[in-house]
Amino acid sequence: MANLTLTLDDEVLKRARRRALDRGTSVNAVVRDYLESFAGDDGALSARREFVAAAQRSSGSSGPGGRTWTRDELYDT
């Protein structure tokens, strides 16, 4: 992974740090994500990110006690 040095106004960096902190991330992660998007990341990476985001939004689960059935019970004829 390469390093990049940026020069920006001190006040801009302060505001960016506050905003990143509010979002639970870092300025480094924000810039990295932006540059990946700007450069056009590959389709597989985008698909993985979308899948993870969808999974994090999902409220599906097997409940507090977990599942109570077995695979064999589902296919019992």
C-alpha atoms as a PDB file:
ATOM      1  CA  MET A   1       0.000   0.000   0.000  1.00  0.00           C
ATOM      2  CA  ALA A   2       1.317   3.455  -0.900  1.00  0.00           C
ATOM      3  CA  ASN A   3       1.392   6.593   1.223  1.00  0.00           C
ATOM      4  CA  LEU A   4       0.098   9.964   0.010  1.00  0.00           C
ATOM      5  CA  THR A   5       0.917  13.378   1.430  1.00  0.00           C
ATOM      6  CA  LEU A   6      -1.688  16.119   1.130  1.00  0.00           C
ATOM      7  CA  THR A   7      -1.409  19.803   1.882  1.00  0.00           C
ATOM      8  CA  LEU A   8      -4.556  21.496   3.125  1.00  0.00           C
ATOM      9  CA  ASP A   9      -5.731  24.330   5.263  1.00  0.00           C
ATOM     10  CA  ASP A  10      -5.542  23.625   9.018  1.00  0.00           C
ATOM     11  CA  GLU A  11      -9.175  24.617   9.519  1.00  0.00           C
ATOM     12  CA  VAL A  12     -10.345  22.284   6.748  1.00  0.00           C
ATOM     13  CA  LEU A  13      -8.502  19.403   8.381  1.00  0.00           C
ATOM     14  CA  LYS A  14     -10.011  20.226  11.796  1.00  0.00           C
ATOM     15  CA  ARG A  15     -13.527  20.220  10.348  1.00  0.00           C
ATOM     16  CA  ALA A  16     -12.837  16.997   8.458  1.00  0.00           C
ATOM     17  CA  ARG A  17     -11.554  15.310  11.618  1.00  0.00           C
ATOM     18  CA  ARG A  18     -14.656  16.367  13.567  1.00  0.00           C
ATOM     19  CA  ARG A  19     -16.967  15.160  10.824  1.00  0.00           C
ATOM     20  CA  ALA A  20     -15.128  11.847  10.487  1.00  0.00           C
ATOM     21  CA  LEU A  21     -15.269  11.370  14.269  1.00  0.00           C
ATOM     22  CA  ASP A  22     -19.026  11.992  14.210  1.00  0.00           C
ATOM     23  CA  ARG A  23     -19.318   9.223  11.606  1.00  0.00           C
ATOM     24  CA  GLY A  24     -17.121   6.824  13.550  1.00  0.00           C
ATOM     25  CA  THR A  25     -14.318   6.815  11.003  1.00  0.00           C
ATOM     26  CA  SER A  26     -11.083   8.640  10.221  1.00  0.00           C
ATOM     27  CA  VAL A  27     -10.060  11.248   7.680  1.00  0.00           C
ATOM     28  CA  ASN A  28      -7.694   8.665   6.227  1.00  0.00           C
ATOM     29  CA  ALA A  29     -10.560   6.193   5.672  1.00  0.00           C
ATOM     30  CA  VAL A  30     -12.763   8.908   4.144  1.00  0.00           C
ATOM     31  CA  VAL A  31     -10.032   9.971   1.695  1.00  0.00           C
ATOM     32  CA  ARG A  32      -9.187   6.333   0.860  1.00  0.00           C
ATOM     33  CA  ASP A  33     -12.849   5.496   0.186  1.00  0.00           C
ATOM     34  CA  TYR A  34     -13.271   8.594  -1.938  1.00  0.00           C
ATOM     35  CA  LEU A  35     -10.170   7.867  -4.007  1.00  0.00           C
ATOM     36  CA  GLU A  36     -11.216   4.238  -4.504  1.00  0.00           C
ATOM     37  CA  SER A  37     -14.584   5.454  -5.737  1.00  0.00           C
ATOM     38  CA  PHE A  38     -13.012   8.172  -7.883  1.00  0.00           C
ATOM     39  CA  ALA A  39     -10.542   5.729  -9.437  1.00  0.00           C
ATOM     40  CA  GLY A  40     -13.294   3.199 -10.061  1.00  0.00           C
ATOM     41  CA  ASP A  41     -12.849   0.089  -7.965  1.00  0.00           C
ATOM     42  CA  ASP A  42     -13.548  -3.290  -9.517  1.00  0.00           C
ATOM     43  CA  GLY A  43     -17.042  -4.735  -9.641  1.00  0.00           C
ATOM     44  CA  ALA A  44     -16.283  -7.553  -7.199  1.00  0.00           C
ATOM     45  CA  LEU A  45     -15.147  -5.132  -4.519  1.00  0.00           C
ATOM     46  CA  SER A  46     -18.242  -3.004  -4.994  1.00  0.00           C
ATOM     47  CA  ALA A  47     -20.463  -6.068  -4.816  1.00  0.00           C
ATOM     48  CA  ARG A  48     -18.813  -7.201  -1.566  1.00  0.00           C
ATOM     49  CA  ARG A  49     -19.258  -3.763  -0.014  1.00  0.00           C
ATOM     50  CA  GLU A  50     -22.915  -3.653  -1.031  1.00  0.00           C
ATOM     51  CA  PHE A  51     -23.457  -7.147   0.389  1.00  0.00           C
ATOM     52  CA  VAL A  52     -21.837  -6.239   3.718  1.00  0.00           C
ATOM     53  CA  ALA A  53     -23.861  -3.020   3.936  1.00  0.00           C
ATOM     54  CA  ALA A  54     -27.086  -4.926   3.249  1.00  0.00           C
ATOM     55  CA  ALA A  55     -26.200  -7.558   5.849  1.00  0.00           C
ATOM     56  CA  GLN A  56     -25.522  -4.869   8.443  1.00  0.00           C
ATOM     57  CA  ARG A  57     -28.921  -3.285   7.755  1.00  0.00           C
ATOM     58  CA  SER A  58     -30.697  -6.641   7.999  1.00  0.00           C
ATOM     59  CA  SER A  59     -32.617  -7.482  11.144  1.00  0.00           C
ATOM     60  CA  GLY A  60     -32.955 -11.166  10.287  1.00  0.00           C
ATOM     61  CA  SER A  61     -31.821 -13.706  12.855  1.00  0.00           C
ATOM     62  CA  SER A  62     -32.759 -17.060  14.288  1.00  0.00           C
ATOM     63  CA  GLY A  63     -33.987 -15.356  17.446  1.00  0.00           C
ATOM     64  CA  PRO A  64     -32.654 -15.243  20.991  1.00  0.00           C
ATOM     65  CA  GLY A  65     -32.913 -19.016  21.477  1.00  0.00           C
ATOM     66  CA  GLY A  66     -31.510 -19.884  18.080  1.00  0.00           C
ATOM     67  CA  ARG A  67     -33.158 -22.255  15.679  1.00  0.00           C
ATOM     68  CA  THR A  68     -35.011 -25.233  17.122  1.00  0.00           C
ATOM     69  CA  TRP A  69     -35.303 -27.395  14.006  1.00  0.00           C
ATOM     70  CA  THR A  70     -32.810 -29.593  12.241  1.00  0.00           C
ATOM     71  CA  ARG A  71     -32.183 -29.961   8.543  1.00  0.00           C
ATOM     72  CA  ASP A  72     -33.601 -33.504   8.642  1.00  0.00           C
ATOM     73  CA  GLU A  73     -36.834 -32.232  10.201  1.00  0.00           C
ATOM     74  CA  LEU A  74     -37.270 -29.761   7.366  1.00  0.00           C
ATOM     75  CA  TYR A  75     -36.979 -32.495   4.768  1.00  0.00           C
ATOM     76  CA  ASP A  76     -38.931 -35.155   6.678  1.00  0.00           C
ATOM     77  CA  THR A  77     -41.587 -36.630   4.381  1.00  0.00           C
END
